[in-house]
Amino acid sequence: MIAKENLPAFLPFFSDLRLLEALASEGKITEIKSGKAIIEPGQFIKMVPILLSGSIKVLRLDEDGKELLLYYIDPGETCALSLTCCSSIRPSEIRAVAEEDSVLLNIPVDKHEKWTEEFKQWKNYVTDSYRIKFQELLKTLDAVAFKRMDERLMRYLVTKMKQLKTNELATTHQEIANELGTSREVISRLLKQLENKKWIELGRNVIYIRDDFNSAL
């Protein structure tokens, strides 16, 4: 578990000592195991989560429960869609899941609203979070609207590899299909094509990405 006195090392963009003290005194540090859902659609968000370590994926679900990967949350970041829901007191419209074992600093919603007026650095942090994640949502929208599924799959693999900092991805064809909003059969066929090109190797619930894969993009 990360000690609160070590927060400045995980949040180097905050230099305001009063804000850091407020984060330490009001925030609650929690550990989330890989695969565990942090928020589900329909739930009300009572805390603003700041990721200290690990990786979180944010998904959108349709009426049939089909998932679409929207973006990842990196250490030091928060979820812009969570900020929107808690600020407007609306239930969550997204699902957030730990991609790997993660540590969160959870800030009560009322403190978030107070700090937006009290601390300029917190206000800037929230504004930057909206801007960065909005840009990532646009990239996801562009990919869904304009890119072929094989291009989307290749970029998905590279993004996931960089996110987890490994060339060996422990995932199933069905999980990828769920996050890209397509069928397992389509993903299996496209992965086999990539393997035939010697860009990846397929194992049982694992995909090994070769070093020259990036050059293919």
Protein backbone atom coordinates (compact mmCIF):
# COMPACT_ATOMS: atom_id res chain seq x y z
CA MET A 1 0.00 0.00 0.00
CA ILE A 2 1.22 3.49 -0.85
CA ALA A 3 1.70 5.70 2.22
CA LYS A 4 0.01 9.09 2.10
CA GLU A 5 3.25 10.87 2.94
CA ASN A 6 4.60 9.58 -0.40
CA LEU A 7 1.82 11.16 -2.47
CA PRO A 8 4.03 13.99 -3.86
CA ALA A 9 6.16 11.37 -5.62
CA PHE A 10 3.08 10.02 -7.42
CA LEU A 11 1.55 13.44 -8.10
CA PRO A 12 4.56 15.57 -9.10
CA PHE A 13 2.38 18.06 -11.02
CA PHE A 14 0.94 19.30 -7.70
CA SER A 15 3.34 21.71 -6.01
CA ASP A 16 0.79 23.53 -3.83
CA LEU A 17 1.57 22.25 -0.32
CA ARG A 18 -1.93 23.08 0.94
CA LEU A 19 -3.47 21.02 -1.85
CA LEU A 20 -1.12 18.10 -1.17
CA GLU A 21 -2.03 18.24 2.51
CA ALA A 22 -5.73 18.26 1.60
CA LEU A 23 -5.25 15.27 -0.72
CA ALA A 24 -3.48 13.36 2.04
CA SER A 25 -6.01 14.19 4.75
CA GLU A 26 -9.23 13.81 2.72
CA GLY A 27 -8.26 11.15 0.18
CA LYS A 28 -8.66 7.43 0.74
CA ILE A 29 -6.11 5.06 -0.77
CA THR A 30 -7.51 1.75 -2.04
CA GLU A 31 -5.99 -1.23 -3.84
CA ILE A 32 -7.88 -2.75 -6.76
CA LYS A 33 -7.08 -6.21 -8.09
CA SER A 34 -6.75 -6.84 -11.83
CA GLY A 35 -10.12 -7.49 -13.46
CA LYS A 36 -12.16 -5.88 -10.69
CA ALA A 37 -14.77 -3.30 -11.70
CA ILE A 38 -14.39 0.10 -10.03
CA ILE A 39 -17.65 1.56 -11.30
CA GLU A 40 -20.60 0.07 -13.18
CA PRO A 41 -23.31 1.76 -15.29
CA GLY A 42 -26.15 3.05 -13.13
CA GLN A 43 -24.05 3.54 -10.01
CA PHE A 44 -23.65 6.99 -8.52
CA ILE A 45 -20.09 8.21 -8.20
CA LYS A 46 -19.29 9.43 -4.69
CA MET A 47 -15.52 9.65 -5.11
CA VAL A 48 -13.19 11.17 -7.71
CA PRO A 49 -10.57 8.48 -8.42
CA ILE A 50 -6.95 9.43 -9.09
CA LEU A 51 -4.84 6.54 -10.31
CA LEU A 52 -1.53 6.30 -8.45
CA SER A 53 -0.25 3.07 -10.01
CA GLY A 54 -1.51 0.38 -12.38
CA SER A 55 -3.91 0.81 -15.28
CA ILE A 56 -7.66 1.33 -15.66
CA LYS A 57 -9.74 0.80 -18.79
CA VAL A 58 -12.97 2.71 -19.33
CA LEU A 59 -15.73 1.01 -21.33
CA ARG A 60 -19.12 1.94 -22.73
CA LEU A 61 -21.89 -0.69 -22.74
CA ASP A 62 -24.90 -0.86 -25.05
CA GLU A 63 -28.34 -2.19 -24.15
CA ASP A 64 -27.24 -5.76 -24.89
CA GLY A 65 -24.19 -5.49 -22.64
CA LYS A 66 -21.78 -5.21 -25.58
CA GLU A 67 -18.64 -3.28 -24.60
CA LEU A 68 -16.56 -0.67 -26.41
CA LEU A 69 -13.20 0.47 -25.09
CA LEU A 70 -13.19 4.27 -24.75
CA TYR A 71 -9.78 4.99 -23.24
CA TYR A 72 -7.24 4.02 -20.59
CA ILE A 73 -6.40 5.89 -17.40
CA ASP A 74 -2.68 6.17 -16.68
CA PRO A 75 -1.01 6.81 -13.30
CA GLY A 76 -1.58 10.41 -12.23
CA GLU A 77 -4.80 10.69 -14.25
CA THR A 78 -8.47 10.67 -13.33
CA CYS A 79 -11.57 9.75 -15.32
CA ALA A 80 -13.16 12.73 -17.08
CA LEU A 81 -16.48 10.91 -17.49
CA SER A 82 -16.54 10.20 -13.76
CA LEU A 83 -15.95 13.90 -13.10
CA THR A 84 -18.91 14.74 -15.35
CA CYS A 85 -21.24 12.32 -13.60
CA CYS A 86 -20.31 13.34 -10.06
CA SER A 87 -20.51 17.07 -10.87
CA SER A 88 -24.01 16.73 -12.33
CA ILE A 89 -25.13 14.10 -9.77
CA ARG A 90 -25.97 11.63 -12.52
CA PRO A 91 -25.52 7.85 -12.51
CA SER A 92 -22.47 6.50 -14.29
CA GLU A 93 -22.78 5.69 -17.99
CA ILE A 94 -19.48 3.85 -18.17
CA ARG A 95 -17.75 0.80 -16.73
CA ALA A 96 -14.24 1.16 -15.32
CA VAL A 97 -12.14 -1.97 -14.78
CA ALA A 98 -8.62 -2.48 -13.42
CA GLU A 99 -6.43 -3.70 -16.28
CA GLU A 100 -3.79 -4.73 -13.74
CA ASP A 101 -3.40 -4.47 -9.97
CA SER A 102 -3.89 -0.77 -9.27
CA VAL A 103 -3.84 1.77 -6.45
CA LEU A 104 -6.34 4.64 -6.32
CA LEU A 105 -6.57 7.83 -4.30
CA ASN A 106 -10.30 8.50 -3.90
CA ILE A 107 -11.42 12.08 -3.28
CA PRO A 108 -14.93 12.78 -1.89
CA VAL A 109 -17.15 14.57 -4.42
CA ASP A 110 -17.83 17.50 -2.07
CA LYS A 111 -14.07 18.09 -1.68
CA HIS A 112 -13.61 18.02 -5.45
CA GLU A 113 -16.22 20.77 -5.84
CA LYS A 114 -14.71 22.83 -3.02
CA TRP A 115 -11.13 22.47 -4.27
CA THR A 116 -12.10 23.58 -7.78
CA GLU A 117 -12.76 27.01 -6.27
CA GLU A 118 -10.04 26.91 -3.62
CA PHE A 119 -6.99 25.53 -5.47
CA LYS A 120 -5.94 26.74 -8.92
CA GLN A 121 -3.82 23.62 -9.48
CA TRP A 122 -6.81 21.36 -8.81
CA LYS A 123 -8.97 23.38 -11.20
CA ASN A 124 -6.27 23.14 -13.89
CA TYR A 125 -5.90 19.39 -13.24
CA VAL A 126 -9.64 18.86 -13.77
CA THR A 127 -9.67 21.04 -16.90
CA ASP A 128 -6.67 19.19 -18.36
CA SER A 129 -8.33 15.85 -17.58
CA TYR A 130 -11.41 16.84 -19.59
CA ARG A 131 -9.24 18.03 -22.50
CA ILE A 132 -6.98 14.97 -22.64
CA LYS A 133 -9.75 12.39 -22.36
CA PHE A 134 -11.98 14.27 -24.82
CA GLN A 135 -9.17 14.02 -27.36
CA GLU A 136 -8.87 10.29 -26.70
CA LEU A 137 -12.63 9.88 -27.12
CA LEU A 138 -12.37 11.62 -30.49
CA LYS A 139 -9.65 9.15 -31.53
CA THR A 140 -11.91 6.26 -30.51
CA LEU A 141 -14.82 7.77 -32.45
CA ASP A 142 -12.62 8.29 -35.51
CA ALA A 143 -11.40 4.69 -35.32
CA VAL A 144 -14.95 3.30 -35.11
CA ALA A 145 -16.25 5.56 -37.87
CA PHE A 146 -13.39 5.64 -40.34
CA LYS A 147 -10.90 2.81 -39.79
CA ARG A 148 -11.12 -0.80 -40.88
CA MET A 149 -11.27 -3.43 -38.15
CA ASP A 150 -7.76 -4.72 -38.94
CA GLU A 151 -6.35 -1.20 -38.41
CA ARG A 152 -8.30 -0.81 -35.18
CA LEU A 153 -7.04 -4.19 -33.95
CA MET A 154 -3.41 -3.32 -34.68
CA ARG A 155 -3.65 0.01 -32.87
CA TYR A 156 -5.47 -1.68 -30.00
CA LEU A 157 -2.62 -4.17 -29.57
CA VAL A 158 0.03 -1.45 -29.64
CA THR A 159 -1.90 0.72 -27.17
CA LYS A 160 -2.38 -2.21 -24.78
CA MET A 161 1.30 -3.18 -25.10
CA LYS A 162 2.41 0.35 -24.21
CA GLN A 163 -0.16 0.60 -21.42
CA LEU A 164 1.02 -2.59 -19.72
CA LYS A 165 4.69 -2.14 -20.75
CA THR A 166 4.97 -5.68 -22.07
CA ASN A 167 5.04 -7.46 -25.44
CA GLU A 168 3.15 -10.42 -23.98
CA LEU A 169 -0.57 -9.73 -23.62
CA ALA A 170 -2.61 -12.11 -21.48
CA THR A 171 -6.03 -11.82 -23.10
CA THR A 172 -8.56 -13.84 -25.06
CA HIS A 173 -9.96 -13.29 -28.53
CA GLN A 174 -13.38 -12.77 -26.94
CA GLU A 175 -12.10 -10.05 -24.61
CA ILE A 176 -10.58 -8.17 -27.54
CA ALA A 177 -13.79 -8.57 -29.53
CA ASN A 178 -15.80 -7.18 -26.63
CA GLU A 179 -13.61 -4.10 -26.29
CA LEU A 180 -13.59 -3.41 -30.04
CA GLY A 181 -17.31 -4.02 -30.45
CA THR A 182 -17.12 -6.92 -32.89
CA SER A 183 -17.32 -10.73 -32.92
CA ARG A 184 -14.76 -13.25 -31.67
CA GLU A 185 -14.69 -14.86 -35.12
CA VAL A 186 -13.62 -11.60 -36.76
CA ILE A 187 -10.85 -11.02 -34.21
CA SER A 188 -9.60 -14.62 -34.48
CA ARG A 189 -9.38 -14.32 -38.26
CA LEU A 190 -7.52 -11.00 -38.13
CA LEU A 191 -5.12 -12.22 -35.45
CA LYS A 192 -4.33 -15.26 -37.56
CA GLN A 193 -3.52 -12.94 -40.47
CA LEU A 194 -1.13 -10.96 -38.26
CA GLU A 195 0.49 -14.20 -37.12
CA ASN A 196 0.94 -15.31 -40.74
CA LYS A 197 2.77 -12.04 -41.38
CA LYS A 198 5.11 -12.87 -38.46
CA TRP A 199 4.06 -9.74 -36.54
CA ILE A 200 2.60 -11.64 -33.58
CA GLU A 201 2.59 -15.13 -32.08
CA LEU A 202 -0.59 -16.65 -30.71
CA GLY A 203 -0.66 -18.88 -27.65
CA ARG A 204 -3.35 -20.09 -25.28
CA ASN A 205 -4.95 -16.87 -23.99
CA VAL A 206 -1.76 -14.95 -24.78
CA ILE A 207 -0.50 -12.82 -27.67
CA TYR A 208 3.19 -12.15 -28.09
CA ILE A 209 3.88 -8.99 -30.11
CA ARG A 210 7.10 -8.98 -32.10
CA ASP A 211 9.44 -6.00 -31.89
CA ASP A 212 8.91 -4.99 -35.53
CA PHE A 213 5.12 -4.79 -35.13
CA ASN A 214 5.18 -1.00 -34.62
CA SER A 215 6.76 -0.50 -38.04
CA ALA A 216 3.71 -2.09 -39.60
CA LEU A 217 1.46 0.77 -38.46
